[in-house]
């Protein structure tokens, strides 16, 4: 992966929260393996850093490149630091941050976790007709104000200098009790309906980001959704 010094790169850290780490309500197997990787990445030279708060299930970290005119390419790596060059960078962290009684919780519906249920989708389509969406139901997790919703302390300590310098943000997602949110960019879409967005895309545009790196939990849900949305929100990413 070749990059030039003129590129502005951002690091997006997805949902490194206690409920997704060992002992958490929705623990990712071996999820704590990502912690030293994330801490090492936060020592890099970034234009911007973003962190999301919330998450999901299984697998750990990923880098993707988006050459102009090319299809999305995903590549997992055992050591992200080996492929990152010194660039002008930025940092973001996302955070799963659900209110009690969230629509994605099995307990809200009196159902078993990891089953599916058709639920109302709160954003109507162009025809104004009510919509439903198939919702995968999870154990209660990352509830606002609980320890499980907090970002891992060692990661937060490494992120704090970026926040203090105004070159990092924490994006909280899943805060609407009526709709789920895997992606750091937007809520989970319903069929043919608009998707409410977070502030992440605007923040990346404001810093003229052309390269985005993603690390966190978990690849098959929130990391994957964030990577795909980075492609679809027209950020103008070169990578």
Protein backbone atom coordinates (compact mmCIF):
# COMPACT_ATOMS: atom_id res chain seq x y z
CA UNK A 1 0.00 0.00 0.00
CA UNK A 2 1.80 3.10 -1.24
CA UNK A 3 1.02 6.53 0.15
CA UNK A 4 2.44 9.99 -0.31
CA UNK A 5 3.39 12.44 2.46
CA UNK A 6 0.74 14.88 1.19
CA UNK A 7 -2.10 12.53 2.10
CA UNK A 8 -4.24 13.43 5.11
CA UNK A 9 -5.07 10.26 7.02
CA UNK A 10 -7.47 9.54 9.86
CA UNK A 11 -7.70 6.68 12.33
CA UNK A 12 -11.19 5.44 13.23
CA UNK A 13 -11.37 3.30 16.38
CA UNK A 14 -14.62 1.36 16.60
CA UNK A 15 -16.31 0.41 19.87
CA UNK A 16 -13.40 -0.66 22.07
CA UNK A 17 -15.74 -0.80 25.07
CA UNK A 18 -15.85 -3.03 28.13
CA UNK A 19 -19.04 -4.85 27.11
CA UNK A 20 -17.21 -6.15 24.00
CA UNK A 21 -14.10 -7.16 25.91
CA UNK A 22 -13.66 -10.37 27.97
CA UNK A 23 -16.17 -10.43 30.83
CA UNK A 24 -18.51 -7.99 29.07
CA UNK A 25 -22.18 -8.46 28.28
CA UNK A 26 -21.47 -9.09 24.58
CA UNK A 27 -17.82 -10.09 24.71
CA UNK A 28 -15.90 -10.67 21.50
CA UNK A 29 -13.74 -13.82 21.81
CA UNK A 30 -10.16 -12.67 22.40
CA UNK A 31 -11.34 -9.10 21.92
CA UNK A 32 -8.63 -7.78 24.21
CA UNK A 33 -6.07 -8.77 21.56
CA UNK A 34 -6.96 -5.52 19.82
CA UNK A 35 -5.95 -3.31 22.76
CA UNK A 36 -2.16 -3.19 22.19
CA UNK A 37 -2.77 -2.69 18.46
CA UNK A 38 -5.04 0.30 19.06
CA UNK A 39 -2.67 1.82 21.61
CA UNK A 40 0.22 1.48 19.16
CA UNK A 41 -1.80 3.10 16.38
CA UNK A 42 -2.66 6.04 18.61
CA UNK A 43 1.05 6.79 18.90
CA UNK A 44 1.16 7.42 15.14
CA UNK A 45 1.10 10.74 13.30
CA UNK A 46 -2.49 11.42 12.26
CA UNK A 47 -4.45 14.42 11.00
CA UNK A 48 -7.51 13.33 12.93
CA UNK A 49 -8.66 10.54 15.24
CA UNK A 50 -12.26 9.42 15.72
CA UNK A 51 -13.62 6.87 18.18
CA UNK A 52 -17.05 5.24 18.05
CA UNK A 53 -18.79 4.10 21.19
CA UNK A 54 -20.85 0.85 20.77
CA UNK A 55 -20.06 -2.36 18.83
CA UNK A 56 -20.87 -6.00 18.14
CA UNK A 57 -19.54 -9.47 17.72
CA UNK A 58 -16.44 -11.40 16.67
CA UNK A 59 -13.19 -10.50 14.86
CA UNK A 60 -10.94 -7.59 15.56
CA UNK A 61 -9.30 -5.20 13.13
CA UNK A 62 -9.10 -4.22 9.51
CA UNK A 63 -7.55 -1.77 7.07
CA UNK A 64 -9.11 -0.86 3.75
CA UNK A 65 -7.96 1.01 0.67
CA UNK A 66 -10.14 2.72 -1.92
CA UNK A 67 -8.14 3.64 -5.04
CA UNK A 68 -10.02 6.06 -7.31
CA UNK A 69 -12.56 4.16 -9.40
CA UNK A 70 -11.81 0.85 -7.69
CA UNK A 71 -14.08 -1.46 -5.72
CA UNK A 72 -13.86 -1.65 -1.96
CA UNK A 73 -10.94 -3.81 -0.85
CA UNK A 74 -10.76 -5.15 2.69
CA UNK A 75 -7.60 -6.62 4.18
CA UNK A 76 -7.20 -8.02 7.67
CA UNK A 77 -3.80 -7.83 9.28
CA UNK A 78 -2.01 -9.32 12.28
CA UNK A 79 -0.14 -6.06 12.78
CA UNK A 80 -1.62 -2.85 11.40
CA UNK A 81 1.41 -0.87 12.46
CA UNK A 82 3.52 -2.64 9.84
CA UNK A 83 1.49 -1.13 6.97
CA UNK A 84 1.03 2.42 8.24
CA UNK A 85 3.48 5.04 7.03
CA UNK A 86 4.15 8.39 8.79
CA UNK A 87 1.42 10.66 7.38
CA UNK A 88 -0.44 13.79 8.40
CA UNK A 89 -3.22 12.18 10.43
CA UNK A 90 -6.41 12.57 12.53
CA UNK A 91 -8.16 10.37 15.17
CA UNK A 92 -11.77 9.32 15.77
CA UNK A 93 -13.29 6.91 18.28
CA UNK A 94 -16.87 5.61 18.11
CA UNK A 95 -18.93 4.48 21.09
CA UNK A 96 -22.00 2.24 21.27
CA UNK A 97 -24.25 4.14 23.65
CA UNK A 98 -27.71 2.64 24.02
CA UNK A 99 -30.53 3.91 26.23
CA UNK A 100 -32.32 1.30 28.37
CA UNK A 101 -35.07 -0.51 26.47
CA UNK A 102 -33.28 -0.16 23.13
CA UNK A 103 -35.01 -1.77 20.15
CA UNK A 104 -32.02 -4.07 19.57
CA UNK A 105 -32.23 -5.64 23.04
CA UNK A 106 -33.92 -9.04 23.25
CA UNK A 107 -35.17 -8.13 26.72
CA UNK A 108 -37.16 -5.21 25.28
CA UNK A 109 -39.34 -7.66 23.36
CA UNK A 110 -39.32 -10.61 25.76
CA UNK A 111 -37.35 -12.63 23.21
CA UNK A 112 -34.16 -14.70 23.29
CA UNK A 113 -30.87 -13.05 22.27
CA UNK A 114 -29.54 -13.76 18.78
CA UNK A 115 -33.02 -14.23 17.31
CA UNK A 116 -34.60 -11.86 14.77
CA UNK A 117 -37.80 -9.84 14.91
CA UNK A 118 -39.52 -7.44 12.51
CA UNK A 119 -39.71 -4.05 14.24
CA UNK A 120 -41.05 -0.64 13.13
CA UNK A 121 -38.48 1.59 11.46
CA UNK A 122 -38.96 5.21 12.57
CA UNK A 123 -37.96 6.93 9.33
CA UNK A 124 -40.58 6.69 6.58
CA UNK A 125 -39.67 6.29 2.92
CA UNK A 126 -40.50 8.71 0.12
CA UNK A 127 -44.06 7.39 -0.02
CA UNK A 128 -44.56 8.19 3.66
CA UNK A 129 -45.64 4.64 4.37
CA UNK A 130 -44.64 2.93 7.64
CA UNK A 131 -41.67 0.61 7.31
CA UNK A 132 -40.40 -2.39 9.23
CA UNK A 133 -36.90 -3.84 9.41
CA UNK A 134 -35.62 -7.24 10.49
CA UNK A 135 -33.74 -6.65 13.73
CA UNK A 136 -31.18 -9.05 15.16
CA UNK A 137 -31.72 -9.05 18.92
CA UNK A 138 -28.77 -8.76 21.30
CA UNK A 139 -28.21 -9.13 25.02
CA UNK A 140 -28.47 -5.80 26.83
CA UNK A 141 -25.11 -4.09 26.29
CA UNK A 142 -23.39 -0.69 26.29
CA UNK A 143 -26.21 0.96 28.22
CA UNK A 144 -25.64 4.65 28.83
CA UNK A 145 -24.07 5.38 32.20
CA UNK A 146 -22.83 1.82 32.81
CA UNK A 147 -19.26 0.55 33.04
CA UNK A 148 -19.86 -1.68 30.01
CA UNK A 149 -20.49 1.35 27.80
CA UNK A 150 -17.18 2.97 28.71
CA UNK A 151 -14.21 2.92 26.35
CA UNK A 152 -11.32 0.81 27.63
CA UNK A 153 -9.32 2.97 30.03
CA UNK A 154 -5.95 2.33 28.39
CA UNK A 155 -7.34 3.23 24.96
CA UNK A 156 -9.05 6.34 26.33
CA UNK A 157 -5.78 7.44 27.96
CA UNK A 158 -3.99 7.07 24.61
CA UNK A 159 -6.81 8.93 22.84
CA UNK A 160 -6.99 11.82 25.32
CA UNK A 161 -4.08 13.88 23.92
CA UNK A 162 -5.82 13.92 20.53
CA UNK A 163 -9.07 15.08 22.13
CA UNK A 164 -7.24 17.76 24.12
CA UNK A 165 -5.54 19.03 20.95
CA UNK A 166 -8.84 19.31 19.08
CA UNK A 167 -7.74 16.62 16.62
CA UNK A 168 -9.99 13.84 17.86
CA UNK A 169 -13.66 13.15 18.54
CA UNK A 170 -15.78 10.45 20.15
CA UNK A 171 -18.86 9.54 18.11
CA UNK A 172 -21.70 7.99 20.14
CA UNK A 173 -24.06 5.77 18.17
CA UNK A 174 -27.13 3.69 18.92
CA UNK A 175 -28.53 6.50 21.08
CA UNK A 176 -31.95 6.47 19.39
CA UNK A 177 -34.01 3.84 21.27
CA UNK A 178 -36.03 3.03 18.14
CA UNK A 179 -33.25 2.21 15.67
CA UNK A 180 -29.98 0.24 15.75
CA UNK A 181 -26.63 1.58 14.57
CA UNK A 182 -23.67 -0.60 13.58
CA UNK A 183 -21.86 1.97 11.44
CA UNK A 184 -19.94 4.92 12.87
CA UNK A 185 -21.44 6.99 10.05
CA UNK A 186 -25.18 6.28 10.21
CA UNK A 187 -28.01 4.22 11.66
CA UNK A 188 -28.83 0.79 10.26
CA UNK A 189 -30.91 1.51 7.12
CA UNK A 190 -34.47 0.39 6.56
CA UNK A 191 -35.75 -0.65 3.11
CA UNK A 192 -35.90 2.38 0.84
CA UNK A 193 -35.77 4.93 3.64
CA UNK A 194 -33.41 7.78 4.55
CA UNK A 195 -30.62 7.05 7.03
CA UNK A 196 -29.83 9.57 9.80
CA UNK A 197 -26.13 10.36 9.93
CA UNK A 198 -23.65 10.94 12.74
CA UNK A 199 -21.17 13.84 12.73
CA UNK A 200 -18.30 11.63 11.56
CA UNK A 201 -18.46 12.28 7.81
CA UNK A 202 -18.59 16.05 8.34
CA UNK A 203 -15.60 15.90 10.68
CA UNK A 204 -13.53 13.93 8.18
CA UNK A 205 -14.46 16.33 5.37
CA UNK A 206 -13.50 19.30 7.54
CA UNK A 207 -10.00 17.83 7.91
CA UNK A 208 -9.73 16.98 4.18
CA UNK A 209 -9.16 13.31 4.96
CA UNK A 210 -8.20 11.18 1.95
CA UNK A 211 -7.08 8.00 3.74
CA UNK A 212 -8.98 6.23 6.51
CA UNK A 213 -7.75 3.41 8.75
CA UNK A 214 -10.15 1.44 10.92
CA UNK A 215 -9.41 -0.65 14.00
CA UNK A 216 -11.70 -2.04 16.66
CA UNK A 217 -14.55 -4.41 17.41
CA UNK A 218 -15.98 -6.17 15.60
CA UNK A 219 -15.14 -6.83 11.96
CA UNK A 220 -18.32 -8.68 10.97
CA UNK A 221 -20.68 -5.97 12.23
CA UNK A 222 -19.61 -2.46 13.24
CA UNK A 223 -16.16 -2.31 11.64
CA UNK A 224 -17.52 -3.76 8.39
CA UNK A 225 -20.53 -1.41 8.38
CA UNK A 226 -18.30 1.60 9.02
CA UNK A 227 -15.93 0.62 6.21
CA UNK A 228 -18.77 0.19 3.72
CA UNK A 229 -20.38 3.48 4.74
CA UNK A 230 -17.06 5.28 4.37
CA UNK A 231 -17.30 4.29 0.72
CA UNK A 232 -20.93 5.33 0.33
CA UNK A 233 -20.98 8.75 2.04
CA UNK A 234 -18.85 10.33 -0.71
CA UNK A 235 -15.93 11.46 1.41
CA UNK A 236 -13.66 11.58 -1.60
CA UNK A 237 -11.32 9.04 -0.06
CA UNK A 238 -8.30 8.04 -2.08
CA UNK A 239 -7.80 5.06 0.29
